[in-house]
PDB file of N, CA and C in Angstrom:
ATOM      1  N   MET A   1      77.444 103.615   8.823  1.00  0.00           N
ATOM      2  CA  MET A   1      78.149 102.987   9.915  1.00  0.00           C
ATOM      3  C   MET A   1      77.244 101.943  10.563  1.00  0.00           C
ATOM      4  N   ALA A   2      77.825 100.843  11.003  1.00  0.00           N
ATOM      5  CA  ALA A   2      77.080  99.758  11.634  1.00  0.00           C
ATOM      6  C   ALA A   2      76.511 100.204  12.974  1.00  0.00           C
ATOM      7  N   ASN A   3      75.347  99.669  13.302  1.00  0.00           N
ATOM      8  CA  ASN A   3      74.719  99.968  14.578  1.00  0.00           C
ATOM      9  C   ASN A   3      75.137  98.901  15.587  1.00  0.00           C
ATOM     10  N   LEU A   4      76.133  99.205  16.398  1.00  0.00           N
ATOM     11  CA  LEU A   4      76.643  98.250  17.385  1.00  0.00           C
ATOM     12  C   LEU A   4      75.721  98.166  18.586  1.00  0.00           C
ATOM     13  N   LYS A   5      75.494  96.940  19.074  1.00  0.00           N
ATOM     14  CA  LYS A   5      74.711  96.744  20.285  1.00  0.00           C
ATOM     15  C   LYS A   5      75.549  96.150  21.405  1.00  0.00           C
ATOM     16  N   HIS A   6      76.661  95.496  21.047  1.00  0.00           N
ATOM     17  CA  HIS A   6      77.517  94.848  22.033  1.00  0.00           C
ATOM     18  C   HIS A   6      78.970  95.190  21.732  1.00  0.00           C
ATOM     19  N   LEU A   7      79.733  95.469  22.792  1.00  0.00           N
ATOM     20  CA  LEU A   7      81.144  95.782  22.631  1.00  0.00           C
ATOM     21  C   LEU A   7      81.914  95.160  23.784  1.00  0.00           C
ATOM     22  N   LEU A   8      82.988  94.452  23.459  1.00  0.00           N
ATOM     23  CA  LEU A   8      83.798  93.759  24.458  1.00  0.00           C
ATOM     24  C   LEU A   8      85.221  94.282  24.401  1.00  0.00           C
ATOM     25  N   PHE A   9      85.771  94.635  25.574  1.00  0.00           N
ATOM     26  CA  PHE A   9      87.170  95.014  25.699  1.00  0.00           C
ATOM     27  C   PHE A   9      87.859  93.935  26.505  1.00  0.00           C
ATOM     28  N   MET A  10      89.056  93.562  26.109  1.00  0.00           N
ATOM     29  CA  MET A  10      89.825  92.600  26.893  1.00  0.00           C
ATOM     30  C   MET A  10      91.068  93.297  27.430  1.00  0.00           C
ATOM     31  N   VAL A  11      91.246  93.240  28.731  1.00  0.00           N
ATOM     32  CA  VAL A  11      92.408  93.807  29.389  1.00  0.00           C
ATOM     33  C   VAL A  11      93.172  92.637  29.987  1.00  0.00           C
ATOM     34  N   ASN A  12      94.422  92.520  29.611  1.00  0.00           N
ATOM     35  CA  ASN A  12      95.208  91.378  30.074  1.00  0.00           C
ATOM     36  C   ASN A  12      96.492  91.843  30.752  1.00  0.00           C
ATOM     37  N   SER A  13      96.351  92.843  31.620  1.00  0.00           N
ATOM     38  CA  SER A  13      97.504  93.299  32.393  1.00  0.00           C
ATOM     39  C   SER A  13      97.032  93.637  33.794  1.00  0.00           C
ATOM     40  N   GLY A  14      97.958  93.633  34.709  1.00  0.00           N
ATOM     41  CA  GLY A  14      97.640  93.935  36.099  1.00  0.00           C
ATOM     42  C   GLY A  14      97.842  95.402  36.411  1.00  0.00           C
ATOM     43  N   SER A  15      97.943  95.700  37.686  1.00  0.00           N
ATOM     44  CA  SER A  15      98.058  97.095  38.121  1.00  0.00           C
ATOM     45  C   SER A  15      99.397  97.717  37.757  1.00  0.00           C
ATOM     46  N   GLU A  16     100.367  96.902  37.313  1.00  0.00           N
ATOM     47  CA  GLU A  16     101.669  97.459  36.920  1.00  0.00           C
ATOM     48  C   GLU A  16     101.571  98.259  35.616  1.00  0.00           C
ATOM     49  N   LYS A  17     100.488  98.104  34.884  1.00  0.00           N
ATOM     50  CA  LYS A  17     100.264  98.864  33.648  1.00  0.00           C
ATOM     51  C   LYS A  17      98.896  99.538  33.716  1.00  0.00           C
ATOM     52  N   PRO A  18      98.769 100.558  34.547  1.00  0.00           N
ATOM     53  CA  PRO A  18      97.453 101.175  34.734  1.00  0.00           C
ATOM     54  C   PRO A  18      96.900 101.840  33.482  1.00  0.00           C
ATOM     55  N   PHE A  19      97.760 102.248  32.560  1.00  0.00           N
ATOM     56  CA  PHE A  19      97.276 102.930  31.358  1.00  0.00           C
ATOM     57  C   PHE A  19      96.379 102.025  30.526  1.00  0.00           C
ATOM     58  N   ASN A  20      96.571 100.711  30.564  1.00  0.00           N
ATOM     59  CA  ASN A  20      95.677  99.795  29.853  1.00  0.00           C
ATOM     60  C   ASN A  20      94.273  99.854  30.442  1.00  0.00           C
ATOM     61  N   HIS A  21      94.194  99.945  31.751  1.00  0.00           N
ATOM     62  CA  HIS A  21      92.903 100.009  32.422  1.00  0.00           C
ATOM     63  C   HIS A  21      92.242 101.354  32.184  1.00  0.00           C
ATOM     64  N   TYR A  22      93.033 102.427  32.264  1.00  0.00           N
ATOM     65  CA  TYR A  22      92.485 103.756  31.999  1.00  0.00           C
ATOM     66  C   TYR A  22      91.869 103.794  30.607  1.00  0.00           C
ATOM     67  N   ALA A  23      92.609 103.319  29.633  1.00  0.00           N
ATOM     68  CA  ALA A  23      92.131 103.354  28.244  1.00  0.00           C
ATOM     69  C   ALA A  23      90.865 102.534  28.076  1.00  0.00           C
ATOM     70  N   ALA A  24      90.836 101.340  28.637  1.00  0.00           N
ATOM     71  CA  ALA A  24      89.656 100.485  28.513  1.00  0.00           C
ATOM     72  C   ALA A  24      88.430 101.138  29.135  1.00  0.00           C
ATOM     73  N   PHE A  25      88.584 101.717  30.315  1.00  0.00           N
ATOM     74  CA  PHE A  25      87.433 102.307  30.980  1.00  0.00           C
ATOM     75  C   PHE A  25      86.983 103.609  30.332  1.00  0.00           C
ATOM     76  N   VAL A  26      87.898 104.402  29.844  1.00  0.00           N
ATOM     77  CA  VAL A  26      87.512 105.642  29.169  1.00  0.00           C
ATOM     78  C   VAL A  26      86.767 105.328  27.870  1.00  0.00           C
ATOM     79  N   VAL A  27      87.286 104.381  27.094  1.00  0.00           N
ATOM     80  CA  VAL A  27      86.618 104.023  25.845  1.00  0.00           C
ATOM     81  C   VAL A  27      85.278 103.347  26.136  1.00  0.00           C
ATOM     82  N   ALA A  28      85.217 102.511  27.165  1.00  0.00           N
ATOM     83  CA  ALA A  28      83.951 101.875  27.536  1.00  0.00           C
ATOM     84  C   ALA A  28      82.925 102.925  27.963  1.00  0.00           C
ATOM     85  N   PHE A  29      83.357 103.906  28.745  1.00  0.00           N
ATOM     86  CA  PHE A  29      82.478 104.994  29.169  1.00  0.00           C
ATOM     87  C   PHE A  29      81.950 105.756  27.958  1.00  0.00           C
ATOM     88  N   ALA A  30      82.846 106.094  27.052  1.00  0.00           N
ATOM     89  CA  ALA A  30      82.443 106.833  25.853  1.00  0.00           C
ATOM     90  C   ALA A  30      81.505 106.000  24.986  1.00  0.00           C
ATOM     91  N   ALA A  31      81.793 104.720  24.837  1.00  0.00           N
ATOM     92  CA  ALA A  31      80.948 103.845  24.020  1.00  0.00           C
ATOM     93  C   ALA A  31      79.548 103.743  24.607  1.00  0.00           C
ATOM     94  N   LYS A  32      79.459 103.603  25.914  1.00  0.00           N
ATOM     95  CA  LYS A  32      78.176 103.419  26.583  1.00  0.00           C
ATOM     96  C   LYS A  32      77.342 104.691  26.569  1.00  0.00           C
ATOM     97  N   TYR A  33      77.941 105.819  26.941  1.00  0.00           N
ATOM     98  CA  TYR A  33      77.165 107.025  27.141  1.00  0.00           C
ATOM     99  C   TYR A  33      77.144 107.973  25.957  1.00  0.00           C
ATOM    100  N   ILE A  34      78.154 107.920  25.139  1.00  0.00           N
ATOM    101  CA  ILE A  34      78.175 108.791  23.968  1.00  0.00           C
ATOM    102  C   ILE A  34      77.775 108.015  22.725  1.00  0.00           C
ATOM    103  N   GLY A  35      78.317 106.798  22.583  1.00  0.00           N
ATOM    104  CA  GLY A  35      77.993 105.961  21.438  1.00  0.00           C
ATOM    105  C   GLY A  35      76.682 105.225  21.569  1.00  0.00           C
ATOM    106  N   LYS A  36      76.082 105.253  22.763  1.00  0.00           N
ATOM    107  CA  LYS A  36      74.790 104.612  23.032  1.00  0.00           C
ATOM    108  C   LYS A  36      74.794 103.112  22.729  1.00  0.00           C
ATOM    109  N   ILE A  37      75.915 102.447  22.989  1.00  0.00           N
ATOM    110  CA  ILE A  37      76.001 100.996  22.808  1.00  0.00           C
ATOM    111  C   ILE A  37      75.373 100.355  24.045  1.00  0.00           C
ATOM    112  N   GLU A  38      74.438  99.444  23.819  1.00  0.00           N
ATOM    113  CA  GLU A  38      73.654  98.865  24.910  1.00  0.00           C
ATOM    114  C   GLU A  38      74.481  98.065  25.907  1.00  0.00           C
ATOM    115  N   ASP A  39      75.357  97.232  25.420  1.00  0.00           N
ATOM    116  CA  ASP A  39      76.059  96.275  26.265  1.00  0.00           C
ATOM    117  C   ASP A  39      77.569  96.435  26.084  1.00  0.00           C
ATOM    118  N   VAL A  40      78.225  97.064  27.058  1.00  0.00           N
ATOM    119  CA  VAL A  40      79.678  97.265  27.020  1.00  0.00           C
ATOM    120  C   VAL A  40      80.286  96.475  28.174  1.00  0.00           C
ATOM    121  N   VAL A  41      81.242  95.589  27.856  1.00  0.00           N
ATOM    122  CA  VAL A  41      81.837  94.706  28.853  1.00  0.00           C
ATOM    123  C   VAL A  41      83.355  94.844  28.822  1.00  0.00           C
ATOM    124  N   VAL A  42      83.970  94.943  29.993  1.00  0.00           N
ATOM    125  CA  VAL A  42      85.418  94.902  30.105  1.00  0.00           C
ATOM    126  C   VAL A  42      85.754  93.533  30.697  1.00  0.00           C
ATOM    127  N   TYR A  43      86.508  92.744  29.941  1.00  0.00           N
ATOM    128  CA  TYR A  43      86.846  91.371  30.318  1.00  0.00           C
ATOM    129  C   TYR A  43      88.324  91.307  30.685  1.00  0.00           C
ATOM    130  N   TYR A  44      88.638  90.598  31.759  1.00  0.00           N
ATOM    131  CA  TYR A  44      90.022  90.453  32.181  1.00  0.00           C
ATOM    132  C   TYR A  44      90.561  89.092  31.799  1.00  0.00           C
ATOM    133  N   GLY A  45      91.712  89.071  31.125  1.00  0.00           N
ATOM    134  CA  GLY A  45      92.372  87.830  30.746  1.00  0.00           C
ATOM    135  C   GLY A  45      93.167  87.268  31.918  1.00  0.00           C
ATOM    136  N   ALA A  46      93.941  86.240  31.648  1.00  0.00           N
ATOM    137  CA  ALA A  46      94.672  85.518  32.692  1.00  0.00           C
ATOM    138  C   ALA A  46      95.590  86.417  33.520  1.00  0.00           C
ATOM    139  N   TYR A  47      96.280  87.354  32.884  1.00  0.00           N
ATOM    140  CA  TYR A  47      97.196  88.225  33.620  1.00  0.00           C
ATOM    141  C   TYR A  47      96.479  89.364  34.325  1.00  0.00           C
ATOM    142  N   GLY A  48      95.302  89.699  33.862  1.00  0.00           N
ATOM    143  CA  GLY A  48      94.556  90.796  34.467  1.00  0.00           C
ATOM    144  C   GLY A  48      93.565  90.360  35.522  1.00  0.00           C
ATOM    145  N   ILE A  49      93.462  89.074  35.769  1.00  0.00           N
ATOM    146  CA  ILE A  49      92.451  88.554  36.682  1.00  0.00           C
ATOM    147  C   ILE A  49      92.609  89.091  38.104  1.00  0.00           C
ATOM    148  N   GLU A  50      93.831  89.446  38.507  1.00  0.00           N
ATOM    149  CA  GLU A  50      94.036  90.015  39.848  1.00  0.00           C
ATOM    150  C   GLU A  50      93.241  91.295  40.035  1.00  0.00           C
ATOM    151  N   MET A  51      92.927  91.997  38.948  1.00  0.00           N
ATOM    152  CA  MET A  51      92.205  93.256  39.039  1.00  0.00           C
ATOM    153  C   MET A  51      90.732  93.063  39.382  1.00  0.00           C
ATOM    154  N   THR A  52      90.241  91.832  39.328  1.00  0.00           N
ATOM    155  CA  THR A  52      88.839  91.580  39.660  1.00  0.00           C
ATOM    156  C   THR A  52      88.612  91.432  41.156  1.00  0.00           C
ATOM    157  N   LYS A  53      89.686  91.398  41.933  1.00  0.00           N
ATOM    158  CA  LYS A  53      89.534  91.299  43.388  1.00  0.00           C
ATOM    159  C   LYS A  53      88.914  92.582  43.939  1.00  0.00           C
ATOM    160  N   LYS A  54      88.063  92.440  44.916  1.00  0.00           N
ATOM    161  CA  LYS A  54      87.344  93.583  45.481  1.00  0.00           C
ATOM    162  C   LYS A  54      88.307  94.681  45.933  1.00  0.00           C
ATOM    163  N   GLY A  55      88.054  95.895  45.474  1.00  0.00           N
ATOM    164  CA  GLY A  55      88.845  97.052  45.859  1.00  0.00           C
ATOM    165  C   GLY A  55      90.090  97.285  45.026  1.00  0.00           C
ATOM    166  N   LYS A  56      90.465  96.345  44.185  1.00  0.00           N
ATOM    167  CA  LYS A  56      91.704  96.472  43.412  1.00  0.00           C
ATOM    168  C   LYS A  56      91.623  97.611  42.393  1.00  0.00           C
ATOM    169  N   LEU A  57      90.486  97.743  41.718  1.00  0.00           N
ATOM    170  CA  LEU A  57      90.349  98.820  40.735  1.00  0.00           C
ATOM    171  C   LEU A  57      90.350 100.201  41.394  1.00  0.00           C
ATOM    172  N   ARG A  58      89.895 100.254  42.612  1.00  0.00           N
ATOM    173  CA  ARG A  58      89.864 101.529  43.324  1.00  0.00           C
ATOM    174  C   ARG A  58      91.262 102.093  43.523  1.00  0.00           C
ATOM    175  N   GLU A  59      92.266 101.212  43.539  1.00  0.00           N
ATOM    176  CA  GLU A  59      93.646 101.653  43.711  1.00  0.00           C
ATOM    177  C   GLU A  59      94.167 102.415  42.493  1.00  0.00           C
ATOM    178  N   LEU A  60      93.528 102.229  41.341  1.00  0.00           N
ATOM    179  CA  LEU A  60      93.953 102.921  40.122  1.00  0.00           C
ATOM    180  C   LEU A  60      93.234 104.263  40.029  1.00  0.00           C
ATOM    181  N   GLU A  61      93.863 105.284  40.513  1.00  0.00           N
ATOM    182  CA  GLU A  61      93.262 106.609  40.439  1.00  0.00           C
ATOM    183  C   GLU A  61      93.625 107.258  39.116  1.00  0.00           C
ATOM    184  N   ILE A  62      92.663 107.945  38.543  1.00  0.00           N
ATOM    185  CA  ILE A  62      92.936 108.716  37.331  1.00  0.00           C
ATOM    186  C   ILE A  62      93.231 110.136  37.803  1.00  0.00           C
ATOM    187  N   ASN A  63      94.467 110.569  37.591  1.00  0.00           N
ATOM    188  CA  ASN A  63      94.835 111.895  38.095  1.00  0.00           C
ATOM    189  C   ASN A  63      94.202 112.999  37.248  1.00  0.00           C
ATOM    190  N   ASP A  64      94.249 114.213  37.766  1.00  0.00           N
ATOM    191  CA  ASP A  64      93.581 115.343  37.130  1.00  0.00           C
ATOM    192  C   ASP A  64      94.094 115.630  35.721  1.00  0.00           C
ATOM    193  N   ASP A  65      95.397 115.434  35.487  1.00  0.00           N
ATOM    194  CA  ASP A  65      95.948 115.682  34.156  1.00  0.00           C
ATOM    195  C   ASP A  65      95.350 114.737  33.112  1.00  0.00           C
ATOM    196  N   ILE A  66      95.183 113.470  33.485  1.00  0.00           N
ATOM    197  CA  ILE A  66      94.593 112.505  32.551  1.00  0.00           C
ATOM    198  C   ILE A  66      93.124 112.832  32.320  1.00  0.00           C
ATOM    199  N   LYS A  67      92.401 113.200  33.387  1.00  0.00           N
ATOM    200  CA  LYS A  67      90.993 113.566  33.235  1.00  0.00           C
ATOM    201  C   LYS A  67      90.836 114.763  32.297  1.00  0.00           C
ATOM    202  N   LYS A  68      91.718 115.763  32.445  1.00  0.00           N
ATOM    203  CA  LYS A  68      91.664 116.933  31.562  1.00  0.00           C
ATOM    204  C   LYS A  68      91.941 116.547  30.123  1.00  0.00           C
ATOM    205  N   LEU A  69      92.913 115.674  29.915  1.00  0.00           N
ATOM    206  CA  LEU A  69      93.260 115.218  28.571  1.00  0.00           C
ATOM    207  C   LEU A  69      92.078 114.499  27.925  1.00  0.00           C
ATOM    208  N   VAL A  70      91.476 113.572  28.654  1.00  0.00           N
ATOM    209  CA  VAL A  70      90.345 112.805  28.119  1.00  0.00           C
ATOM    210  C   VAL A  70      89.152 113.718  27.872  1.00  0.00           C
ATOM    211  N   ALA A  71      88.800 114.538  28.839  1.00  0.00           N
ATOM    212  CA  ALA A  71      87.645 115.424  28.698  1.00  0.00           C
ATOM    213  C   ALA A  71      87.826 116.417  27.557  1.00  0.00           C
ATOM    214  N   GLY A  72      89.049 116.811  27.305  1.00  0.00           N
ATOM    215  CA  GLY A  72      89.317 117.739  26.216  1.00  0.00           C
ATOM    216  C   GLY A  72      89.098 117.131  24.835  1.00  0.00           C
ATOM    217  N   GLN A  73      88.998 115.814  24.759  1.00  0.00           N
ATOM    218  CA  GLN A  73      88.810 115.137  23.482  1.00  0.00           C
ATOM    219  C   GLN A  73      87.346 114.865  23.156  1.00  0.00           C
ATOM    220  N   ILE A  74      86.465 115.027  24.150  1.00  0.00           N
ATOM    221  CA  ILE A  74      85.048 114.678  23.966  1.00  0.00           C
ATOM    222  C   ILE A  74      84.186 115.898  24.274  1.00  0.00           C
ATOM    223  N   ASP A  75      83.430 116.357  23.290  1.00  0.00           N
ATOM    224  CA  ASP A  75      82.547 117.504  23.495  1.00  0.00           C
ATOM    225  C   ASP A  75      81.482 117.189  24.545  1.00  0.00           C
ATOM    226  N   GLY A  76      81.246 118.135  25.429  1.00  0.00           N
ATOM    227  CA  GLY A  76      80.195 117.986  26.426  1.00  0.00           C
ATOM    228  C   GLY A  76      80.622 117.261  27.692  1.00  0.00           C
ATOM    229  N   ILE A  77      81.886 116.849  27.792  1.00  0.00           N
ATOM    230  CA  ILE A  77      82.389 116.152  28.979  1.00  0.00           C
ATOM    231  C   ILE A  77      83.380 117.066  29.695  1.00  0.00           C
ATOM    232  N   THR A  78      83.247 117.157  31.007  1.00  0.00           N
ATOM    233  CA  THR A  78      84.203 117.904  31.810  1.00  0.00           C
ATOM    234  C   THR A  78      85.012 116.909  32.643  1.00  0.00           C
ATOM    235  N   PRO A  79      86.173 117.296  33.132  1.00  0.00           N
ATOM    236  CA  PRO A  79      86.968 116.378  33.962  1.00  0.00           C
ATOM    237  C   PRO A  79      86.193 115.853  35.174  1.00  0.00           C
ATOM    238  N   GLU A  80      85.272 116.639  35.690  1.00  0.00           N
ATOM    239  CA  GLU A  80      84.481 116.225  36.854  1.00  0.00           C
ATOM    240  C   GLU A  80      83.492 115.113  36.498  1.00  0.00           C
ATOM    241  N   ASP A  81      83.159 114.944  35.219  1.00  0.00           N
ATOM    242  CA  ASP A  81      82.231 113.889  34.811  1.00  0.00           C
ATOM    243  C   ASP A  81      82.860 112.514  34.852  1.00  0.00           C
ATOM    244  N   LEU A  82      84.186 112.464  34.819  1.00  0.00           N
ATOM    245  CA  LEU A  82      84.886 111.169  34.770  1.00  0.00           C
ATOM    246  C   LEU A  82      85.050 110.583  36.168  1.00  0.00           C
ATOM    247  N   PRO A  83      84.977 109.262  36.261  1.00  0.00           N
ATOM    248  CA  PRO A  83      85.094 108.606  37.580  1.00  0.00           C
ATOM    249  C   PRO A  83      86.495 108.699  38.141  1.00  0.00           C
TER     250      PRO A  83
END
């Protein structure tokens, strides 16, 4: 398998589709801390640019059911470990 050092995710949706953001951040978290990829970046396209405003991402809460689902897929991670 290739040794990745850089990984870029592009999210091009706003807060009306929070699942795109959840997926990007969960995979970025896993890539950074489990996959040991040095440089992980989440990039927002034209439609997702509103999410870069201060405090906007904080509005997207990951509920307990989603945290349990994600944590159940990764060994060594508990729902409390997720942001």
